[in-house]
Structure formats: structure tokens, C-alpha cells
Amino acid sequence: MGRCLLGLYVGTKNVVGTLYDPAGYELLVVRPMLNKEVGDISSLATQLQHIIEHHNVCKVVVGPWPRSMNEEQAENDLIAGAAKIDRFIEALHKTGILKDDVKHVYYGVRVVLNELAVRRRVRQVKLEGRKEFSGDETDLFEQFSDTYASQFMLMHYLELAGDEAYRDSQPARESSIPGAITIDGIENTAVLTYHLSGVGCLGKAFPAGPPPAGPPPES
């Protein structure tokens, strides 16, 4: 059985983990979602170390640059987001709780979400009456947006980053990405666009740098 990858998205309030399990070729959102505004940094480091040990994580992919609802904002947030992530990871390591045998990799990918599509998805789960999504719609929008950003980042890394060392250490696999995706470009430079049933184009992920040519996600 191969060891797992953990994608860690550091948002404004939430720290969202997405796990790639090579045994089942699955992308799984780690629950519960970590909240930077609740508890101290030692508590967060303890929770993260538990996730790493429980899921046999061999590498933590940290990022992305802040998820945005438009490409111009993603460009403006580039430097501020990198500094924010640096400070957060440094603070985690200063606790001494995180072990040194798990490699941390910064992945310079940016995520642009379709705000209307995210809101449609939130309304869908509210109408379904699921207890885990019974909170305030504004809070759910933030949670869903951060969760999708975390998934997009790890999707892009798995499919397009060219991490040959990790791929060579795992069993042969088909594409890990669920649902309907399109990939425009080549490894390390491609744009990944994701379509979710019922809401349409949910957003896209692309490497740091100038935004790619082409229309933004449909609204």
C-alpha cells in the first residue's frame, strides 16, 4: 500500500486538508476542518500530526496562493498569500509537535472559483436537509470555497506537477480526479477546469504567474 499525500490549504479562517489515498485512488476531504480562530497553534499542530500519523502521510503539499473569485484578485493576492503560508507553517514547526520525517512542499498553484456555482452547491445541500450542513449560508459558502480550493490544489498537483518521485513510489493508477474535468496545456503549465454536476463550471486551477488566456469560469 502506498503512502498518502495531504494537500493543506491555508485559508483566512479555515485550514482544509484533502487526502489522496493511492490504495483507492481517492481524494478525501479531511474532517473536521481545522479552524485557525479556535484554539492555539499547538492545538492545530497536534491535530495535523494526528492526521499525518493516522493516514500514513508521506508528504504535505501546502498552498495554494489564496483562492479567489476572479483572476485579477488572485494576481493581487499572490505575494500576501505566500507570506501568510510561510508564517503559518513556521509557527506550526516552532511548536516542536510536527515530526521531521514528513516532507513539506509548497505548490505555487492558484485557484479561481465560480462564486455563483459555489452558492448553488451550498443551496443544494441546504435543501437536502443534511445535518452537517445546517449552519449559516454565509459560513457554509466560506467552508465550501476553502474545501474546493484544497481539492483543486491537490488535483492539479497529482495530475500536472510532474512529481515523478511520488508517482514512482506508488502502484500504477488511472486518473485520480472524480467528475468532469478538462486540462488545457502540458505538465507543469496546464490549466485544470472542473465541472460539478448540477452547478456547472465550478472553477479552475493554474500555476502561479500571469493568469492564463481564455474566458473565466462561467457564471
Protein backbone atom coordinates (compact mmCIF):
# COMPACT_ATOMS: atom_id res chain seq x y z
CA MET A 1 0.00 0.00 0.00
CA GLY A 2 1.37 3.42 -0.93
CA ARG A 3 1.66 6.30 1.48
CA CYS A 4 -0.80 9.16 1.27
CA LEU A 5 -0.42 12.76 0.15
CA LEU A 6 -2.01 15.54 2.20
CA GLY A 7 -2.96 18.78 0.49
CA LEU A 8 -3.16 21.57 3.06
CA TYR A 9 -4.94 24.78 2.08
CA VAL A 10 -4.39 27.68 4.49
CA GLY A 11 -7.40 29.98 4.20
CA THR A 12 -8.33 33.14 6.08
CA LYS A 13 -10.16 31.24 8.83
CA ASN A 14 -10.00 27.59 7.87
CA VAL A 15 -7.18 25.16 7.30
CA VAL A 16 -8.56 22.49 4.99
CA GLY A 17 -6.91 19.16 4.34
CA THR A 18 -7.52 16.98 1.28
CA LEU A 19 -6.10 13.49 1.36
CA TYR A 20 -5.08 11.43 -1.66
CA ASP A 21 -5.29 7.73 -0.88
CA PRO A 22 -3.31 5.76 -3.51
CA ALA A 23 -4.86 2.48 -2.38
CA GLY A 24 -8.33 3.53 -3.51
CA TYR A 25 -7.26 6.27 -5.94
CA GLU A 26 -9.47 8.63 -3.92
CA LEU A 27 -9.47 12.28 -2.95
CA LEU A 28 -10.98 12.71 0.52
CA VAL A 29 -11.63 15.91 2.49
CA VAL A 30 -10.22 15.54 5.99
CA ARG A 31 -12.83 16.15 8.68
CA PRO A 32 -13.15 18.00 10.92
CA MET A 33 -11.94 21.15 9.20
CA LEU A 34 -9.29 22.95 11.23
CA ASN A 35 -10.17 26.48 12.33
CA LYS A 36 -7.32 28.91 12.97
CA GLU A 37 -9.57 31.13 15.09
CA VAL A 38 -10.35 28.38 17.60
CA GLY A 39 -7.60 27.22 19.93
CA ASP A 40 -3.88 27.95 19.78
CA ILE A 41 -1.22 26.95 17.28
CA SER A 42 -0.16 23.98 19.43
CA SER A 43 -3.67 22.55 19.20
CA LEU A 44 -3.60 22.89 15.40
CA ALA A 45 -0.17 21.25 15.22
CA THR A 46 -1.39 18.35 17.37
CA GLN A 47 -4.42 17.81 15.11
CA LEU A 48 -2.26 17.96 12.00
CA GLN A 49 0.24 15.46 13.40
CA HIS A 50 -2.64 13.10 14.23
CA ILE A 51 -3.88 13.32 10.63
CA ILE A 52 -0.37 12.61 9.32
CA GLU A 53 0.08 9.57 11.53
CA HIS A 54 -3.45 8.18 11.13
CA HIS A 55 -3.38 8.34 7.34
CA ASN A 56 0.28 7.38 6.86
CA VAL A 57 1.08 10.66 5.11
CA CYS A 58 4.47 10.87 3.41
CA LYS A 59 4.25 14.39 2.00
CA VAL A 60 2.26 17.55 2.77
CA VAL A 61 1.57 19.80 -0.22
CA VAL A 62 0.99 23.31 1.14
CA GLY A 63 -0.81 26.14 -0.63
CA PRO A 64 -2.30 27.39 -2.80
CA TRP A 65 -1.98 31.08 -3.26
CA PRO A 66 -5.29 32.48 -1.96
CA ARG A 67 -8.33 31.12 -3.73
CA SER A 68 -10.23 33.92 -5.43
CA MET A 69 -13.44 34.55 -7.29
CA ASN A 70 -11.64 36.36 -10.13
CA GLU A 71 -8.21 36.23 -11.73
CA GLU A 72 -7.31 39.86 -11.05
CA GLN A 73 -7.76 39.34 -7.31
CA ALA A 74 -5.72 36.12 -7.48
CA GLU A 75 -2.87 38.10 -9.03
CA ASN A 76 -3.10 40.85 -6.39
CA ASP A 77 -3.08 38.31 -3.52
CA LEU A 78 -0.02 36.40 -4.75
CA ILE A 79 2.71 37.87 -2.51
CA ALA A 80 0.49 38.33 0.56
CA GLY A 81 -0.71 34.74 0.35
CA ALA A 82 2.79 33.29 0.13
CA ALA A 83 3.90 35.26 3.19
CA LYS A 84 0.82 34.16 5.13
CA ILE A 85 1.51 30.49 4.42
CA ASP A 86 5.19 30.86 5.34
CA ARG A 87 4.29 32.37 8.72
CA PHE A 88 1.68 29.72 9.46
CA ILE A 89 3.93 26.74 8.67
CA GLU A 90 6.82 28.30 10.59
CA ALA A 91 4.57 28.73 13.63
CA LEU A 92 3.48 25.07 13.38
CA HIS A 93 7.07 23.85 13.30
CA LYS A 94 8.09 26.04 16.25
CA THR A 95 5.73 24.02 18.45
CA GLY A 96 8.03 21.01 18.00
CA ILE A 97 5.00 18.77 17.54
CA LEU A 98 5.33 18.09 13.82
CA LYS A 99 7.84 15.36 13.06
CA ASP A 100 10.69 15.84 10.61
CA ASP A 101 10.15 12.66 8.61
CA VAL A 102 7.28 14.14 6.58
CA LYS A 103 8.34 16.38 3.73
CA HIS A 104 6.52 19.67 3.19
CA VAL A 105 6.28 21.04 -0.35
CA TYR A 106 5.00 24.47 -1.36
CA TYR A 107 2.94 24.27 -4.53
CA GLY A 108 2.51 27.51 -6.45
CA VAL A 109 -0.92 26.94 -7.94
CA ARG A 110 -3.79 29.40 -7.86
CA VAL A 111 -7.47 28.60 -7.70
CA VAL A 112 -10.22 30.76 -9.19
CA LEU A 113 -13.74 29.70 -8.20
CA ASN A 114 -17.06 30.46 -9.80
CA GLU A 115 -18.90 32.17 -6.93
CA LEU A 116 -22.37 31.53 -8.32
CA ALA A 117 -21.62 27.83 -8.79
CA VAL A 118 -20.36 27.52 -5.20
CA ARG A 119 -23.51 29.26 -3.91
CA ARG A 120 -25.68 26.92 -5.98
CA ARG A 121 -23.93 23.96 -4.39
CA VAL A 122 -24.50 25.40 -0.90
CA ARG A 123 -28.20 25.87 -1.64
CA GLN A 124 -28.40 22.28 -2.90
CA VAL A 125 -27.09 20.78 0.34
CA LYS A 126 -29.26 23.12 2.42
CA LEU A 127 -32.35 21.90 0.54
CA GLU A 128 -31.28 18.29 1.11
CA GLY A 129 -31.53 18.96 4.86
CA ARG A 130 -28.25 17.27 5.74
CA LYS A 131 -27.41 17.94 9.39
CA GLU A 132 -23.71 18.57 8.78
CA PHE A 133 -24.66 21.49 6.52
CA SER A 134 -27.29 23.13 8.72
CA GLY A 135 -25.24 26.24 9.53
CA ASP A 136 -25.43 29.80 8.29
CA GLU A 137 -25.31 30.02 4.48
CA THR A 138 -22.51 32.62 4.56
CA ASP A 139 -20.34 30.38 6.74
CA LEU A 140 -21.12 27.39 4.53
CA PHE A 141 -20.07 29.39 1.47
CA GLU A 142 -16.66 30.05 3.06
CA GLN A 143 -16.29 26.41 4.09
CA PHE A 144 -17.23 25.10 0.65
CA SER A 145 -14.95 27.60 -1.09
CA ASP A 146 -11.96 26.64 1.07
CA THR A 147 -12.74 22.95 0.61
CA TYR A 148 -12.90 23.26 -3.18
CA ALA A 149 -9.65 25.26 -3.18
CA SER A 150 -7.94 22.48 -1.24
CA GLN A 151 -9.25 19.83 -3.63
CA PHE A 152 -8.28 21.83 -6.73
CA MET A 153 -4.76 22.33 -5.44
CA LEU A 154 -4.18 18.63 -4.83
CA MET A 155 -5.89 17.65 -8.10
CA HIS A 156 -3.53 19.92 -10.02
CA TYR A 157 -0.51 18.63 -8.13
CA LEU A 158 -1.37 14.98 -8.69
CA GLU A 159 -2.15 15.30 -12.37
CA LEU A 160 0.19 18.03 -13.53
CA ALA A 161 3.07 18.74 -11.16
CA GLY A 162 5.40 16.10 -12.54
CA ASP A 163 6.19 14.63 -9.11
CA GLU A 164 7.97 11.60 -10.53
CA ALA A 165 9.44 10.53 -7.18
CA TYR A 166 5.99 10.16 -5.64
CA ARG A 167 4.45 8.58 -8.73
CA ASP A 168 7.25 6.02 -9.00
CA SER A 169 6.72 5.01 -5.38
CA GLN A 170 3.02 4.24 -5.88
CA PRO A 171 1.11 1.47 -7.65
CA ALA A 172 0.10 2.19 -11.24
CA ARG A 173 -3.12 4.18 -11.35
CA GLU A 174 -5.67 5.81 -13.56
CA SER A 175 -6.58 9.49 -13.16
CA SER A 176 -7.37 10.33 -9.53
CA ILE A 177 -9.80 13.13 -10.30
CA PRO A 178 -13.54 12.45 -9.95
CA GLY A 179 -16.19 14.16 -12.02
CA ALA A 180 -15.84 16.06 -15.28
CA ILE A 181 -12.53 17.85 -15.83
CA THR A 182 -10.67 19.41 -18.70
CA ILE A 183 -6.94 20.01 -18.86
CA ASP A 184 -5.59 22.65 -21.23
CA GLY A 185 -1.84 22.63 -21.69
CA ILE A 186 1.06 20.43 -20.67
CA GLU A 187 2.51 19.20 -17.40
CA ASN A 188 3.65 21.99 -15.03
CA THR A 189 1.86 24.72 -17.02
CA ALA A 190 -1.64 23.37 -17.64
CA VAL A 191 -4.96 24.83 -16.52
CA LEU A 192 -7.34 22.41 -14.83
CA THR A 193 -11.07 23.19 -15.09
CA TYR A 194 -13.63 21.28 -13.03
CA HIS A 195 -17.32 20.83 -13.77
CA LEU A 196 -19.65 19.71 -10.98
CA SER A 197 -22.98 18.08 -11.75
CA GLY A 198 -25.87 20.42 -11.05
CA VAL A 199 -23.81 23.61 -10.79
CA GLY A 200 -21.77 23.64 -14.00
CA CYS A 201 -18.23 25.01 -14.16
CA LEU A 202 -17.03 25.24 -10.57
CA GLY A 203 -13.66 26.85 -11.21
CA LYS A 204 -10.11 26.27 -12.36
CA ALA A 205 -6.57 25.93 -11.08
CA PHE A 206 -3.39 27.09 -12.79
CA PRO A 207 0.28 27.65 -11.89
CA ALA A 208 1.44 30.88 -10.23
CA GLY A 209 2.28 33.60 -12.70
CA PRO A 210 0.19 35.59 -15.16
CA PRO A 211 -3.39 34.31 -15.40
CA PRO A 212 -3.93 32.06 -18.42
CA ALA A 213 -5.58 33.31 -21.58
CA GLY A 214 -9.19 32.40 -22.10
CA PRO A 215 -12.59 33.12 -20.52
CA PRO A 216 -13.10 32.94 -16.73
CA PRO A 217 -15.36 30.24 -15.27
CA GLU A 218 -18.93 30.63 -16.48
CA SER A 219 -21.40 32.37 -14.21
